[in-house]
Amino acid sequence: MLGTNKISYQFEKPKYKVSIITGDSGSGKTTLYDMVRAYNNNPQIIQLKWDGNCDLDLIYCSKNDMPYHLTDIKNSIIVADENCALLTKVSYKELAKFVRDSPNYFFFITRQFKKLIGIFISLQSLFYIKLIGKRKNAILPYFPNEIYKSYDKVYVDTILCEDSKSSYLFFRDYFGFLENKNLFTAFGKDSVVLQLENLVAMGKDNILVVIDSCAFGLNIFDLKKTCSLYPVKNIYVLDWKSYEYYLLESKNIERFQYSLEPVFMEEVYYESELKKHLLQYTKSGIEGKLPICLSLSHRCVKSDCNYFDFCTAKINDSFKYDKKSIYIHNPLERFQFRPNYSQTGISRMSLF
């Protein structure tokens, strides 16, 4: 909690290295920034109290503070608003490098996002300010839960992937969507809304939009607005953290432990962690050769795997896969895909 007897703000220790506090004019963003500045100037009047075990300090970034002014700050949350030099005078590349190399957390209080394009922003790091009492404000997440968890099991005929690589190739090769021309890519998060509008104009419906929540960030507001404009089209959002995180969480990879330190760019972090773990599972250790246990149809062979003797996810010869009836653990279990056949039951079988 930060504040006085007259007004206060409640928030927790951030889970992500970069958090964005945004909102409409008059919502209290400037008041929060001014209070952080007042706390730095007179900590006897403005109090800072953390719930639980947290020793981070709050440091405000002035209108003139450049990155080299902030290099000596450690173990803190640096708070900057849209009028600060970090967001007005520093290039987006320089800002991204400074944030990446800094040992601190960052709160950016802003509605201007151009300077943040070099930083991958998670949906879970987007916050707004809400009045919860006569003089108390809470800093709350826009998306406390994944969007896909709000759906019951639904049917999907068309898939739009944010990227053209990992998740797109997964749906193409695993479900055979390419044959029926019901799989599309936006070639990047900034084009998802435009491509979705194109699909609607083509007459597509029952559309699943696949995004990486760890990097999709501020594009989510435009996506939600577009989805609300076409309620009859049945547009659903699968906001998994990323395809790489989905694999890391699978039972075949049992040694993944999330970093205890703040991660600058989650998407890149998950990619590097997955690459490291997959190389462990290849017998030869050759980069680029994926383990056989990530193939659709396989049987586990000791000669192909370093972890055959103690792996709990081994597939024996008697287990057979059925492409038309495939179950995948959350989050995909909520969607039934119908690309090439009238009834596709996602049940019984398990890929991971």
Protein backbone atom coordinates (compact mmCIF):
# COMPACT_ATOMS: atom_id res chain seq x y z
CA MET A 1 0.00 0.00 0.00
CA LEU A 2 1.18 3.51 -0.82
CA GLY A 3 -0.48 6.59 0.57
CA THR A 4 -1.65 8.73 3.44
CA ASN A 5 -4.75 8.87 5.61
CA LYS A 6 -6.47 10.84 2.86
CA ILE A 7 -5.80 8.65 -0.17
CA SER A 8 -4.00 5.36 -0.80
CA TYR A 9 -3.22 2.82 -3.53
CA GLN A 10 -3.13 -0.92 -2.98
CA PHE A 11 -0.98 -3.20 -5.13
CA GLU A 12 1.14 -6.31 -4.84
CA LYS A 13 4.71 -7.09 -5.74
CA PRO A 14 4.80 -7.36 -9.54
CA LYS A 15 5.12 -10.78 -11.15
CA TYR A 16 6.53 -9.37 -14.38
CA LYS A 17 9.50 -7.14 -14.95
CA VAL A 18 7.41 -4.61 -16.88
CA SER A 19 3.87 -3.60 -15.88
CA ILE A 20 1.63 -1.10 -17.64
CA ILE A 21 -0.90 0.98 -15.70
CA THR A 22 -3.33 2.54 -18.13
CA GLY A 23 -6.85 3.90 -18.13
CA ASP A 24 -9.04 6.83 -19.07
CA SER A 25 -8.38 10.44 -18.11
CA GLY A 26 -9.34 11.11 -14.51
CA SER A 27 -8.88 7.51 -13.40
CA GLY A 28 -6.05 8.39 -11.01
CA LYS A 29 -2.91 7.66 -13.01
CA THR A 30 -1.33 11.09 -12.50
CA THR A 31 -2.27 11.08 -8.82
CA LEU A 32 -0.46 7.76 -8.38
CA TYR A 33 2.68 9.07 -10.08
CA ASP A 34 2.62 12.26 -7.98
CA MET A 35 2.28 10.16 -4.84
CA VAL A 36 5.35 8.07 -5.74
CA ARG A 37 7.26 11.30 -6.28
CA ALA A 38 6.03 12.66 -2.94
CA TYR A 39 7.07 9.40 -1.24
CA ASN A 40 10.60 9.74 -2.62
CA ASN A 41 10.80 13.37 -1.47
CA ASN A 42 9.23 12.86 1.96
CA PRO A 43 8.88 9.22 3.07
CA GLN A 44 7.84 10.34 6.57
CA ILE A 45 4.53 11.62 5.22
CA ILE A 46 3.81 9.11 2.44
CA GLN A 47 3.94 5.51 3.66
CA LEU A 48 4.84 2.39 1.69
CA LYS A 49 3.76 -0.97 3.12
CA TRP A 50 4.04 -4.30 1.33
CA ASP A 51 1.89 -7.33 2.10
CA GLY A 52 4.09 -10.34 2.68
CA ASN A 53 7.82 -10.65 2.16
CA CYS A 54 8.90 -7.85 -0.17
CA ASP A 55 11.72 -5.34 0.24
CA LEU A 56 11.37 -3.46 -3.04
CA ASP A 57 11.44 0.30 -2.99
CA LEU A 58 9.50 2.68 -5.26
CA ILE A 59 11.58 5.16 -7.28
CA TYR A 60 9.97 7.77 -9.48
CA CYS A 61 11.53 8.70 -12.81
CA SER A 62 11.54 12.47 -13.35
CA LYS A 63 10.89 14.27 -16.62
CA ASN A 64 14.64 14.67 -17.11
CA ASP A 65 15.92 11.24 -16.00
CA MET A 66 17.71 9.43 -18.81
CA PRO A 67 18.80 5.78 -18.52
CA TYR A 68 22.30 6.74 -17.33
CA HIS A 69 20.73 8.61 -14.41
CA LEU A 70 19.09 5.39 -13.20
CA THR A 71 21.92 2.87 -13.51
CA ASP A 72 22.82 2.93 -9.78
CA ILE A 73 19.28 1.99 -8.66
CA LYS A 74 18.93 -1.57 -7.36
CA ASN A 75 16.12 -3.72 -5.95
CA SER A 76 13.40 -1.22 -6.80
CA ILE A 77 10.35 -0.52 -8.91
CA ILE A 78 11.03 2.39 -11.23
CA VAL A 79 7.82 4.32 -11.89
CA ALA A 80 7.56 6.47 -15.03
CA ASP A 81 4.63 8.28 -16.58
CA GLU A 82 4.15 9.29 -20.20
CA ASN A 83 5.82 12.68 -19.67
CA CYS A 84 9.08 11.19 -18.42
CA ALA A 85 12.23 11.31 -20.48
CA LEU A 86 12.24 7.50 -20.76
CA LEU A 87 9.06 7.70 -22.86
CA THR A 88 9.63 11.03 -24.61
CA LYS A 89 13.36 11.38 -25.33
CA VAL A 90 14.70 7.81 -25.41
CA SER A 91 14.33 5.64 -28.54
CA TYR A 92 12.33 2.44 -28.21
CA LYS A 93 15.46 0.35 -28.86
CA GLU A 94 17.44 2.16 -26.17
CA LEU A 95 14.54 1.85 -23.74
CA ALA A 96 14.19 -1.88 -24.40
CA LYS A 97 17.91 -2.43 -23.83
CA PHE A 98 17.88 -0.39 -20.62
CA VAL A 99 14.90 -2.30 -19.21
CA ARG A 100 16.40 -5.66 -20.24
CA ASP A 101 19.74 -4.97 -18.56
CA SER A 102 18.33 -3.34 -15.43
CA PRO A 103 17.95 -5.44 -12.23
CA ASN A 104 14.76 -3.51 -11.37
CA TYR A 105 11.06 -3.75 -12.08
CA PHE A 106 9.22 -1.07 -14.05
CA PHE A 107 5.78 0.54 -13.82
CA PHE A 108 4.89 2.59 -16.89
CA ILE A 109 1.83 4.79 -16.26
CA THR A 110 0.75 5.73 -19.75
CA ARG A 111 -1.73 5.60 -22.60
CA GLN A 112 1.03 6.23 -25.16
CA PHE A 113 2.50 2.92 -26.24
CA LYS A 114 4.77 3.70 -29.21
CA LYS A 115 7.95 3.71 -27.13
CA LEU A 116 7.07 0.31 -25.65
CA ILE A 117 7.04 -1.62 -28.93
CA GLY A 118 10.50 -3.05 -28.20
CA ILE A 119 9.20 -4.72 -25.03
CA PHE A 120 6.96 -7.79 -25.17
CA ILE A 121 4.11 -7.08 -22.77
CA SER A 122 2.12 -9.87 -21.15
CA LEU A 123 -1.66 -9.63 -20.83
CA GLN A 124 -1.19 -10.32 -17.12
CA SER A 125 0.95 -7.18 -16.76
CA LEU A 126 -1.80 -4.77 -17.88
CA PHE A 127 -3.42 -2.93 -14.97
CA TYR A 128 -6.02 -0.27 -14.27
CA ILE A 129 -6.90 1.81 -11.22
CA LYS A 130 -10.23 1.26 -9.48
CA LEU A 131 -11.76 3.13 -6.56
CA ILE A 132 -12.62 0.50 -3.92
CA GLY A 133 -13.43 2.78 -1.01
CA LYS A 134 -13.95 6.38 -0.12
CA ARG A 135 -10.21 7.09 -0.26
CA LYS A 136 -8.75 3.77 -1.38
CA ASN A 137 -7.68 2.81 -4.89
CA ALA A 138 -6.68 -0.65 -6.07
CA ILE A 139 -4.35 -1.38 -8.98
CA LEU A 140 -6.03 -4.38 -10.59
CA PRO A 141 -5.18 -6.59 -13.58
CA TYR A 142 -7.31 -6.21 -16.69
CA PHE A 143 -7.08 -9.96 -17.27
CA PRO A 144 -6.76 -11.81 -13.94
CA ASN A 145 -7.69 -15.09 -15.67
CA GLU A 146 -7.08 -16.49 -19.12
CA ILE A 147 -9.83 -15.58 -21.59
CA TYR A 148 -10.24 -19.14 -22.84
CA LYS A 149 -11.28 -20.31 -19.37
CA SER A 150 -14.55 -18.40 -19.75
CA TYR A 151 -15.72 -20.79 -22.50
CA ASP A 152 -17.50 -24.06 -22.24
CA LYS A 153 -16.48 -26.61 -24.88
CA VAL A 154 -17.09 -25.01 -28.29
CA TYR A 155 -16.81 -25.99 -31.95
CA VAL A 156 -14.22 -24.30 -34.13
CA ASP A 157 -14.08 -24.33 -37.94
CA THR A 158 -11.39 -21.70 -38.60
CA ILE A 159 -8.16 -20.90 -36.80
CA LEU A 160 -6.24 -17.63 -36.99
CA CYS A 161 -2.72 -17.82 -35.51
CA GLU A 162 -0.82 -14.75 -34.44
CA ASP A 163 2.46 -16.11 -35.79
CA SER A 164 3.49 -17.98 -38.93
CA LYS A 165 5.86 -20.41 -37.24
CA SER A 166 5.44 -22.45 -34.06
CA SER A 167 1.70 -22.41 -33.30
CA TYR A 168 0.74 -22.13 -36.99
CA LEU A 169 2.85 -25.15 -37.93
CA PHE A 170 1.45 -27.06 -34.95
CA PHE A 171 -2.15 -26.64 -36.05
CA ARG A 172 -1.26 -27.22 -39.69
CA ASP A 173 0.63 -30.46 -39.17
CA TYR A 174 -1.33 -31.83 -36.24
CA PHE A 175 -4.91 -31.14 -37.28
CA GLY A 176 -4.49 -30.92 -41.04
CA PHE A 177 -6.16 -27.53 -41.35
CA LEU A 178 -4.19 -26.55 -44.44
CA GLU A 179 -6.01 -29.09 -46.60
CA ASN A 180 -9.33 -27.41 -45.94
CA LYS A 181 -7.93 -23.86 -46.09
CA ASN A 182 -9.28 -23.06 -42.66
CA LEU A 183 -5.98 -22.14 -41.06
CA PHE A 184 -4.61 -18.59 -41.36
CA THR A 185 -1.75 -16.56 -39.98
CA ALA A 186 -1.61 -12.84 -39.18
CA PHE A 187 2.22 -12.76 -39.51
CA GLY A 188 2.53 -10.91 -36.21
CA LYS A 189 0.47 -9.60 -33.32
CA ASP A 190 -0.03 -6.14 -34.80
CA SER A 191 -1.97 -7.59 -37.76
CA VAL A 192 -4.28 -9.98 -35.90
CA VAL A 193 -7.27 -7.62 -35.81
CA LEU A 194 -6.96 -6.74 -39.50
CA GLN A 195 -6.73 -10.40 -40.54
CA LEU A 196 -9.68 -11.27 -38.31
CA GLU A 197 -11.78 -8.60 -40.01
CA ASN A 198 -10.75 -10.06 -43.38
CA LEU A 199 -11.91 -13.53 -42.30
CA VAL A 200 -15.26 -12.14 -41.20
CA ALA A 201 -15.60 -10.40 -44.57
CA MET A 202 -14.90 -13.77 -46.26
CA GLY A 203 -17.88 -15.26 -44.42
CA LYS A 204 -15.88 -17.32 -41.92
CA ASP A 205 -17.38 -18.06 -38.53
CA ASN A 206 -16.62 -20.24 -35.50
CA ILE A 207 -13.17 -18.66 -35.48
CA LEU A 208 -10.47 -19.41 -32.93
CA VAL A 209 -7.85 -16.65 -32.60
CA VAL A 210 -4.61 -18.05 -31.14
CA ILE A 211 -2.39 -15.46 -29.44
CA ASP A 212 0.65 -15.60 -27.19
CA SER A 213 -0.51 -13.83 -24.04
CA CYS A 214 3.05 -13.32 -22.84
CA ALA A 215 3.70 -10.86 -25.69
CA PHE A 216 0.34 -9.82 -27.19
CA GLY A 217 0.02 -6.97 -24.72
CA LEU A 218 -1.88 -3.85 -25.67
CA ASN A 219 -3.27 -5.34 -28.89
CA ILE A 220 -5.80 -7.19 -26.75
CA PHE A 221 -8.02 -4.13 -26.39
CA ASP A 222 -8.54 -3.80 -30.15
CA LEU A 223 -9.07 -7.56 -30.44
CA LYS A 224 -11.77 -7.61 -27.76
CA LYS A 225 -13.51 -4.66 -29.40
CA THR A 226 -13.51 -6.42 -32.78
CA CYS A 227 -14.85 -9.64 -31.26
CA SER A 228 -17.72 -7.73 -29.68
CA LEU A 229 -18.68 -6.24 -33.05
CA TYR A 230 -19.43 -9.69 -34.55
CA PRO A 231 -21.19 -11.73 -31.84
CA VAL A 232 -22.94 -13.98 -34.38
CA LYS A 233 -19.60 -15.04 -35.84
CA ASN A 234 -18.65 -16.95 -32.66
CA ILE A 235 -15.10 -15.64 -32.28
CA TYR A 236 -13.07 -17.24 -29.50
CA VAL A 237 -9.63 -16.38 -28.14
CA LEU A 238 -7.05 -18.96 -27.08
CA ASP A 239 -4.64 -16.90 -24.99
CA TRP A 240 -2.05 -19.46 -23.97
CA LYS A 241 1.22 -17.95 -22.78
CA SER A 242 2.94 -19.27 -25.89
CA TYR A 243 3.28 -22.53 -27.80
CA GLU A 244 6.74 -22.97 -26.27
CA TYR A 245 5.35 -22.58 -22.77
CA TYR A 246 2.63 -25.10 -23.65
CA LEU A 247 5.34 -27.66 -24.47
CA LEU A 248 7.39 -26.78 -21.38
CA GLU A 249 4.34 -27.46 -19.21
CA SER A 250 3.72 -30.85 -20.80
CA LYS A 251 4.49 -33.95 -18.79
CA ASN A 252 7.26 -34.97 -21.19
CA ILE A 253 9.39 -32.10 -19.93
CA GLU A 254 9.57 -32.54 -16.18
CA ARG A 255 12.51 -30.34 -15.31
CA PHE A 256 11.24 -26.90 -16.29
CA GLN A 257 11.35 -24.40 -13.44
CA TYR A 258 10.30 -20.82 -14.01
CA SER A 259 12.95 -18.19 -13.33
CA LEU A 260 12.83 -16.65 -9.85
CA GLU A 261 14.17 -13.40 -11.29
CA PRO A 262 12.00 -10.95 -13.25
CA VAL A 263 11.92 -11.97 -16.91
CA PHE A 264 12.27 -9.17 -19.46
CA MET A 265 10.76 -10.84 -22.53
CA GLU A 266 8.83 -13.98 -21.63
CA GLU A 267 8.41 -15.19 -25.20
CA VAL A 268 12.16 -15.21 -25.87
CA TYR A 269 12.75 -16.77 -22.44
CA TYR A 270 10.35 -19.66 -23.13
CA GLU A 271 11.89 -20.23 -26.56
CA SER A 272 15.40 -20.49 -25.12
CA GLU A 273 14.24 -22.74 -22.24
CA LEU A 274 12.41 -25.07 -24.63
CA LYS A 275 15.42 -25.28 -26.91
CA LYS A 276 17.61 -26.18 -23.94
CA HIS A 277 15.22 -28.88 -22.71
CA LEU A 278 14.61 -30.41 -26.12
CA LEU A 279 18.32 -30.83 -26.69
CA GLN A 280 18.48 -32.82 -23.45
CA TYR A 281 15.90 -35.24 -24.82
CA THR A 282 17.71 -35.96 -28.08
CA LYS A 283 20.11 -38.89 -28.01
CA SER A 284 22.64 -37.12 -30.17
CA GLY A 285 22.16 -33.66 -28.64
CA ILE A 286 22.20 -32.17 -32.11
CA GLU A 287 20.56 -28.76 -32.36
CA GLY A 288 17.49 -28.78 -34.59
CA LYS A 289 16.67 -32.45 -34.07
CA LEU A 290 13.51 -32.66 -31.99
CA PRO A 291 12.93 -35.58 -29.64
CA ILE A 292 10.83 -38.38 -31.06
CA CYS A 293 8.33 -38.05 -28.20
CA LEU A 294 7.03 -34.85 -29.75
CA SER A 295 5.97 -36.67 -32.92
CA LEU A 296 2.30 -37.49 -33.47
CA SER A 297 2.78 -41.22 -33.92
CA HIS A 298 5.70 -42.73 -32.14
CA ARG A 299 6.81 -45.39 -29.75
CA CYS A 300 9.46 -44.77 -27.15
CA VAL A 301 12.76 -46.48 -27.90
CA LYS A 302 15.66 -46.48 -25.48
CA SER A 303 18.18 -45.88 -28.24
CA ASP A 304 16.43 -42.60 -29.15
CA CYS A 305 16.11 -41.05 -25.70
CA ASN A 306 18.44 -40.20 -22.85
CA TYR A 307 15.59 -40.37 -20.33
CA PHE A 308 13.93 -43.63 -21.34
CA ASP A 309 14.60 -45.44 -18.04
CA PHE A 310 12.88 -42.91 -15.77
CA CYS A 311 10.49 -40.99 -18.04
CA THR A 312 6.89 -41.17 -16.76
CA ALA A 313 5.38 -40.35 -20.14
CA LYS A 314 6.61 -43.32 -22.17
CA ILE A 315 4.38 -44.59 -24.98
CA ASN A 316 4.55 -48.31 -25.61
CA ASP A 317 3.78 -50.31 -28.76
CA SER A 318 0.21 -51.08 -27.72
CA PHE A 319 -0.80 -47.41 -27.62
CA LYS A 320 -2.18 -46.12 -30.92
CA TYR A 321 -3.03 -42.57 -31.89
CA ASP A 322 -6.17 -41.64 -33.76
CA LYS A 323 -5.92 -38.33 -35.62
CA LYS A 324 -9.69 -37.95 -35.57
CA SER A 325 -9.95 -38.29 -31.82
CA ILE A 326 -7.21 -36.45 -30.01
CA TYR A 327 -7.25 -35.00 -26.51
CA ILE A 328 -4.77 -32.35 -25.49
CA HIS A 329 -4.59 -30.97 -21.96
CA ASN A 330 -5.69 -27.46 -21.14
CA PRO A 331 -6.06 -25.05 -22.82
CA LEU A 332 -6.98 -26.94 -26.01
CA GLU A 333 -9.45 -29.25 -24.32
CA ARG A 334 -12.11 -26.53 -24.47
CA PHE A 335 -12.18 -26.47 -28.28
CA GLN A 336 -13.45 -29.07 -30.72
CA PHE A 337 -11.86 -28.70 -34.13
CA ARG A 338 -13.77 -29.59 -37.30
CA PRO A 339 -11.40 -28.96 -40.21
CA ASN A 340 -11.89 -32.05 -42.39
CA TYR A 341 -14.64 -34.12 -40.84
CA SER A 342 -18.05 -33.44 -39.40
CA GLN A 343 -17.46 -34.68 -35.87
CA THR A 344 -14.09 -34.43 -34.19
CA GLY A 345 -14.14 -35.59 -30.60
CA ILE A 346 -11.33 -34.26 -28.50
CA SER A 347 -11.32 -37.09 -26.00
CA ARG A 348 -9.52 -40.12 -24.69
CA MET A 349 -6.18 -39.70 -26.42
CA SER A 350 -3.25 -37.66 -25.12
CA LEU A 351 -0.37 -36.20 -27.07
CA PHE A 352 1.56 -34.91 -24.05
